[in-house]
Amino acid sequence: MAELASLADPALKRALADAAAIVGVALDTLLPESEGPEARLDQAMRYAALGGGKRLRAFLVMQSAGLFAVNPTCAARVGAAVEMLHAYSLVHDDLPSMDNDDLRRGKPSTHRAFDEATAILAGDALQARAFEVLAEPDTHADPQVRAELVLAFAAAVGPRGMVGGQMIDMLAEGQALTAPEVTRLQAMKTGRLIYFSAEAGAILGRASTAQRHALAHFGRELGAAFQIADDLLDTEASTEQMGKTAGKDQEAGKATLVAILGPERARAQAERLAEQAASHLEPFGERADLLRALARYVVERGA
């Protein structure tokens, strides 16, 4: 993971590390340990959510919120909620009934570190806690803003978002999908949570409709580029570099644009998407430079 992070330019690398540290503290606070009979569940939740990762989605929340001078503590809470939801998706994705992966972020998957039933419950609880955090008054003083966050979050992760994309992904194993079909699958499974993460700052900042749409479009293109780069890594990087088992998607016959287009054309497509993503940031001028750098980094990590 460190080797991949070294591809980022120094300013972005520092900003990613700073955001990860801030959100890590928020997660530690929002997911406290307990001594009751549910302690094992708390331990599994913390294992899944506090166990590293680039915190790219949380970084998107905090950077987009910063464009509107949102209180950093409020932005960190939303970033933490997104990371809880992302952790839940990874815990369930690694289960034997799904992708059956024993390694995540360079350590045993949650169902291996604990057991399968505990992993399922930990994922369920992380999802519930994520929504709870968004709805709490400490996240934003305006209940309308909190309601908009919850609504957008639910749309991003539900049957027309991440979970729906996971269903399509499972059904598509071994099937010959077209490029548009794969694009839709990936936009739902991976892209929608990244889309929300970019849009969340605008919601927190009570931004104009045009500003909110600009950030949402940025997130949409960024998410598509991110997934292509991730698929390239699956075919070209080592398990040590990725922190998870490399080559599993290819072995399982997963539908990817890399498989359809080939590595070079897929990489060119990711680069085009990153450029398109950056073009949506023009209304924000130099204040969005770190988000532009992130779009470049997302593609470079798969180079």
Protein backbone atom coordinates (compact mmCIF):
# COMPACT_ATOMS: atom_id res chain seq x y z
CA MET A 1 0.00 0.00 0.00
CA ALA A 2 2.86 2.38 0.78
CA GLU A 3 4.32 1.82 -2.67
CA LEU A 4 1.05 2.87 -4.26
CA ALA A 5 0.74 5.94 -2.03
CA SER A 6 4.23 7.08 -3.09
CA LEU A 7 2.85 7.83 -6.55
CA ALA A 8 0.95 10.84 -5.19
CA ASP A 9 2.55 14.30 -5.47
CA PRO A 10 3.91 15.58 -2.14
CA ALA A 11 1.08 18.03 -1.42
CA LEU A 12 -1.58 15.41 -2.13
CA LYS A 13 0.32 12.79 -0.17
CA ARG A 14 0.41 15.07 2.90
CA ALA A 15 -3.25 15.98 2.51
CA LEU A 16 -4.28 12.33 2.20
CA ALA A 17 -2.27 11.44 5.30
CA ASP A 18 -3.73 14.36 7.27
CA ALA A 19 -7.28 13.46 6.31
CA ALA A 20 -6.69 9.79 7.14
CA ALA A 21 -5.39 10.76 10.59
CA ILE A 22 -8.34 13.07 11.31
CA VAL A 23 -10.90 10.53 10.16
CA GLY A 24 -9.08 7.79 12.06
CA VAL A 25 -9.56 9.76 15.28
CA ALA A 26 -13.23 10.31 14.42
CA LEU A 27 -13.73 6.59 13.78
CA ASP A 28 -12.02 5.70 17.04
CA THR A 29 -14.39 8.05 18.88
CA LEU A 30 -17.55 7.04 17.01
CA LEU A 31 -16.88 3.30 17.35
CA PRO A 32 -16.02 2.97 21.04
CA GLU A 33 -15.02 -0.28 22.67
CA SER A 34 -17.31 -1.86 25.24
CA GLU A 35 -17.12 -4.48 27.96
CA GLY A 36 -20.62 -5.91 27.68
CA PRO A 37 -21.77 -9.06 25.91
CA GLU A 38 -21.63 -7.19 22.59
CA ALA A 39 -17.90 -6.46 23.03
CA ARG A 40 -16.91 -8.96 20.33
CA LEU A 41 -19.14 -7.16 17.85
CA ASP A 42 -17.52 -3.82 18.74
CA GLN A 43 -14.09 -5.38 18.29
CA ALA A 44 -14.99 -6.70 14.84
CA MET A 45 -16.44 -3.34 13.79
CA ARG A 46 -13.28 -1.55 14.89
CA TYR A 47 -11.09 -4.17 13.22
CA ALA A 48 -12.88 -3.62 9.91
CA ALA A 49 -13.16 0.18 10.04
CA LEU A 50 -9.89 1.14 11.76
CA GLY A 51 -7.67 -1.31 9.91
CA GLY A 52 -5.96 1.09 7.51
CA GLY A 53 -6.84 2.02 3.96
CA LYS A 54 -6.21 5.20 1.99
CA ARG A 55 -9.43 6.88 3.23
CA LEU A 56 -9.92 8.25 -0.28
CA ARG A 57 -13.67 8.61 0.15
CA ALA A 58 -13.29 10.48 3.43
CA PHE A 59 -10.69 12.70 1.79
CA LEU A 60 -13.22 13.55 -0.91
CA VAL A 61 -15.78 14.51 1.73
CA MET A 62 -13.34 16.74 3.59
CA GLN A 63 -11.93 18.41 0.48
CA SER A 64 -15.33 19.10 -1.05
CA ALA A 65 -16.59 20.42 2.30
CA GLY A 66 -13.53 22.66 2.54
CA LEU A 67 -14.61 24.43 -0.64
CA PHE A 68 -17.54 25.84 1.36
CA ALA A 69 -15.72 26.48 4.66
CA VAL A 70 -17.61 23.69 6.44
CA ASN A 71 -16.54 22.99 10.03
CA PRO A 72 -13.79 20.32 9.70
CA THR A 73 -15.22 18.36 12.65
CA CYS A 74 -18.57 18.05 10.87
CA ALA A 75 -16.85 17.02 7.62
CA ALA A 76 -14.78 14.42 9.50
CA ARG A 77 -17.94 12.88 10.94
CA VAL A 78 -19.41 12.50 7.46
CA GLY A 79 -16.09 11.14 6.20
CA ALA A 80 -16.09 8.62 9.05
CA ALA A 81 -19.65 7.57 8.20
CA VAL A 82 -18.62 6.96 4.59
CA GLU A 83 -15.64 4.91 5.74
CA MET A 84 -17.89 2.83 8.02
CA LEU A 85 -20.15 2.10 5.08
CA HIS A 86 -17.19 1.29 2.87
CA ALA A 87 -15.78 -1.03 5.55
CA TYR A 88 -19.12 -2.82 5.80
CA SER A 89 -19.12 -3.37 2.03
CA LEU A 90 -15.60 -4.84 2.16
CA VAL A 91 -16.44 -7.13 5.08
CA HIS A 92 -19.42 -8.56 3.21
CA ASP A 93 -17.58 -8.61 -0.14
CA ASP A 94 -14.86 -10.83 1.37
CA LEU A 95 -17.31 -13.41 2.74
CA PRO A 96 -17.17 -16.98 1.37
CA SER A 97 -20.63 -16.51 -0.15
CA MET A 98 -19.39 -13.49 -2.13
CA ASP A 99 -15.78 -13.02 -3.28
CA ASN A 100 -14.33 -15.40 -0.68
CA ASP A 101 -11.14 -13.46 0.04
CA ASP A 102 -8.99 -14.12 3.09
CA LEU A 103 -6.91 -10.94 2.84
CA ARG A 104 -7.91 -7.29 3.14
CA ARG A 105 -5.62 -4.28 3.60
CA GLY A 106 -2.69 -6.60 4.16
CA LYS A 107 -4.23 -8.57 7.04
CA PRO A 108 -6.80 -11.34 7.49
CA SER A 109 -10.31 -10.45 6.35
CA THR A 110 -12.80 -9.85 9.17
CA HIS A 111 -14.46 -13.25 8.79
CA ARG A 112 -11.00 -14.84 9.13
CA ALA A 113 -9.94 -12.74 12.10
CA PHE A 114 -13.24 -13.45 13.89
CA ASP A 115 -15.77 -15.79 12.25
CA GLU A 116 -18.29 -15.58 9.44
CA ALA A 117 -21.35 -14.85 11.60
CA THR A 118 -19.54 -12.10 13.51
CA ALA A 119 -18.35 -10.57 10.24
CA ILE A 120 -21.90 -10.42 8.89
CA LEU A 121 -23.14 -8.77 12.08
CA ALA A 122 -20.20 -6.34 12.13
CA GLY A 123 -21.02 -5.27 8.57
CA ASP A 124 -24.68 -4.83 9.44
CA ALA A 125 -23.80 -2.77 12.51
CA LEU A 126 -21.32 -0.58 10.62
CA GLN A 127 -23.97 0.25 8.05
CA ALA A 128 -26.49 1.17 10.76
CA ARG A 129 -23.94 3.24 12.66
CA ALA A 130 -23.01 5.14 9.50
CA PHE A 131 -26.59 6.32 9.02
CA GLU A 132 -26.89 7.09 12.72
CA VAL A 133 -23.84 9.35 12.57
CA LEU A 134 -25.23 11.28 9.60
CA ALA A 135 -28.51 11.83 11.42
CA GLU A 136 -26.97 13.04 14.69
CA PRO A 137 -27.13 16.79 15.46
CA ASP A 138 -23.34 16.96 15.90
CA THR A 139 -22.97 16.28 12.17
CA HIS A 140 -24.82 19.48 11.21
CA ALA A 141 -27.03 21.92 13.10
CA ASP A 142 -29.59 22.07 10.28
CA PRO A 143 -31.92 19.03 10.28
CA GLN A 144 -32.68 19.64 6.59
CA VAL A 145 -29.01 19.20 5.75
CA ARG A 146 -28.86 16.01 7.78
CA ALA A 147 -31.96 14.70 6.01
CA GLU A 148 -30.41 15.47 2.60
CA LEU A 149 -27.22 13.64 3.60
CA VAL A 150 -29.16 10.57 4.70
CA LEU A 151 -31.30 10.57 1.54
CA ALA A 152 -28.32 10.90 -0.80
CA PHE A 153 -26.37 8.30 1.18
CA ALA A 154 -29.22 5.79 1.01
CA ALA A 155 -29.54 6.29 -2.74
CA ALA A 156 -25.80 5.73 -3.17
CA VAL A 157 -25.63 2.46 -1.26
CA GLY A 158 -29.04 0.83 -1.84
CA PRO A 159 -30.54 -1.32 -4.59
CA ARG A 160 -29.88 1.31 -7.28
CA GLY A 161 -26.38 1.94 -5.94
CA MET A 162 -23.62 -0.09 -4.31
CA VAL A 163 -25.68 -3.12 -3.23
CA GLY A 164 -27.43 -3.33 -6.59
CA GLY A 165 -24.06 -3.18 -8.30
CA GLN A 166 -22.77 -6.03 -6.13
CA MET A 167 -25.77 -8.14 -7.15
CA ILE A 168 -25.10 -7.49 -10.84
CA ASP A 169 -21.40 -8.25 -10.32
CA MET A 170 -22.20 -11.64 -8.79
CA LEU A 171 -24.63 -12.53 -11.58
CA ALA A 172 -22.12 -11.42 -14.22
CA GLU A 173 -19.34 -13.84 -13.23
CA GLY A 174 -18.40 -15.83 -16.31
CA GLN A 175 -20.81 -13.84 -18.48
CA ALA A 176 -19.83 -11.82 -21.55
CA LEU A 177 -21.03 -8.29 -20.74
CA THR A 178 -20.74 -5.35 -23.11
CA ALA A 179 -18.68 -2.28 -22.20
CA PRO A 180 -21.83 -0.21 -21.41
CA GLU A 181 -23.11 -3.00 -19.15
CA VAL A 182 -19.80 -3.15 -17.27
CA THR A 183 -19.74 0.64 -17.00
CA ARG A 184 -23.19 0.63 -15.40
CA LEU A 185 -22.25 -2.20 -13.03
CA GLN A 186 -19.13 -0.38 -11.85
CA ALA A 187 -20.88 2.97 -11.59
CA MET A 188 -23.30 1.36 -9.13
CA LYS A 189 -20.96 -0.91 -7.17
CA THR A 190 -18.00 1.45 -6.77
CA GLY A 191 -18.83 4.78 -8.34
CA ARG A 192 -21.94 5.75 -6.39
CA LEU A 193 -20.21 5.92 -3.00
CA ILE A 194 -17.39 8.01 -4.51
CA TYR A 195 -20.04 10.18 -6.19
CA PHE A 196 -21.72 10.71 -2.79
CA SER A 197 -18.40 11.48 -1.11
CA ALA A 198 -17.72 14.32 -3.53
CA GLU A 199 -21.30 15.60 -3.32
CA ALA A 200 -21.46 15.43 0.49
CA GLY A 201 -19.31 18.52 0.98
CA ALA A 202 -21.72 20.54 -1.14
CA ILE A 203 -24.66 19.25 0.89
CA LEU A 204 -22.89 20.16 4.15
CA GLY A 205 -22.03 23.59 2.77
CA ARG A 206 -25.55 24.34 1.51
CA ALA A 207 -24.02 24.90 -1.91
CA SER A 208 -25.92 26.07 -4.96
CA THR A 209 -27.47 23.48 -7.25
CA ALA A 210 -24.81 24.19 -9.89
CA GLN A 211 -21.97 23.69 -7.41
CA ARG A 212 -23.50 20.49 -6.08
CA HIS A 213 -23.93 19.13 -9.59
CA ALA A 214 -20.34 20.04 -10.48
CA LEU A 215 -18.98 18.06 -7.55
CA ALA A 216 -21.35 15.16 -8.19
CA HIS A 217 -20.20 14.97 -11.82
CA PHE A 218 -16.60 15.13 -10.66
CA GLY A 219 -17.26 12.20 -8.32
CA ARG A 220 -19.02 10.23 -11.05
CA GLU A 221 -16.09 10.46 -13.50
CA LEU A 222 -13.55 9.95 -10.72
CA GLY A 223 -15.31 6.79 -9.57
CA ALA A 224 -15.26 5.36 -13.09
CA ALA A 225 -11.55 6.12 -13.47
CA PHE A 226 -10.85 4.66 -10.03
CA GLN A 227 -12.51 1.34 -10.88
CA ILE A 228 -10.60 0.95 -14.13
CA ALA A 229 -7.33 1.66 -12.33
CA ASP A 230 -8.32 -0.87 -9.65
CA ASP A 231 -8.97 -3.48 -12.32
CA LEU A 232 -5.59 -2.75 -13.89
CA LEU A 233 -3.95 -3.26 -10.51
CA ASP A 234 -5.73 -6.60 -10.15
CA THR A 235 -4.04 -7.80 -13.33
CA GLU A 236 -0.64 -6.12 -12.92
CA ALA A 237 0.18 -5.54 -9.24
CA SER A 238 1.25 -8.01 -6.57
CA THR A 239 -0.74 -9.06 -3.52
CA GLU A 240 1.75 -7.14 -1.34
CA GLN A 241 1.23 -3.95 -3.32
CA MET A 242 -2.54 -4.20 -3.24
CA GLY A 243 -3.01 -5.40 0.33
CA LYS A 244 -5.53 -7.95 -0.98
CA THR A 245 -5.30 -11.03 -3.17
CA ALA A 246 -4.20 -10.01 -6.65
CA GLY A 247 -5.63 -11.58 -9.80
CA LYS A 248 -8.84 -12.81 -8.17
CA ASP A 249 -11.17 -10.90 -10.47
CA GLN A 250 -9.54 -12.39 -13.54
CA GLU A 251 -9.64 -15.91 -12.08
CA ALA A 252 -13.33 -15.52 -11.17
CA GLY A 253 -14.23 -14.28 -14.63
CA LYS A 254 -15.33 -10.88 -13.33
CA ALA A 255 -16.66 -8.44 -15.88
CA THR A 256 -14.20 -5.53 -16.25
CA LEU A 257 -13.34 -2.97 -18.89
CA VAL A 258 -9.74 -4.21 -18.77
CA ALA A 259 -10.94 -7.64 -19.90
CA ILE A 260 -13.05 -6.11 -22.68
CA LEU A 261 -10.73 -3.34 -23.93
CA GLY A 262 -7.32 -4.67 -22.98
CA PRO A 263 -4.91 -2.90 -20.59
CA GLU A 264 -3.76 -0.10 -22.89
CA ARG A 265 -7.19 1.00 -24.09
CA ALA A 266 -8.56 0.68 -20.57
CA ARG A 267 -5.75 2.86 -19.21
CA ALA A 268 -6.43 5.46 -21.90
CA GLN A 269 -10.11 5.42 -20.95
CA ALA A 270 -9.22 5.96 -17.28
CA GLU A 271 -7.04 8.92 -18.25
CA ARG A 272 -9.87 10.46 -20.27
CA LEU A 273 -12.25 10.02 -17.35
CA ALA A 274 -9.80 11.66 -14.97
CA GLU A 275 -9.48 14.64 -17.31
CA GLN A 276 -13.25 14.90 -17.58
CA ALA A 277 -13.52 14.74 -13.78
CA ALA A 278 -11.06 17.60 -13.38
CA SER A 279 -12.95 19.70 -15.92
CA HIS A 280 -15.97 19.79 -13.60
CA LEU A 281 -13.88 21.60 -10.98
CA GLU A 282 -13.39 24.78 -13.03
CA PRO A 283 -15.96 26.79 -11.00
CA PHE A 284 -13.82 26.33 -7.88
CA GLY A 285 -10.54 27.60 -9.31
CA GLU A 286 -7.30 26.91 -7.44
CA ARG A 287 -9.18 25.89 -4.30
CA ALA A 288 -9.86 22.53 -5.97
CA ASP A 289 -6.23 21.81 -6.92
CA LEU A 290 -5.97 18.89 -4.48
CA LEU A 291 -9.06 17.32 -6.00
CA ARG A 292 -7.48 17.69 -9.45
CA ALA A 293 -4.33 16.05 -8.11
CA LEU A 294 -6.45 13.22 -6.73
CA ALA A 295 -7.91 12.57 -10.19
CA ARG A 296 -4.37 12.23 -11.57
CA TYR A 297 -3.29 9.99 -8.69
CA VAL A 298 -6.25 7.66 -9.12
CA VAL A 299 -5.11 6.90 -12.66
CA GLU A 300 -1.36 6.86 -11.96
CA ARG A 301 -1.70 4.22 -9.28
CA GLY A 302 -2.85 1.81 -11.98
CA ALA A 303 0.01 2.72 -14.36
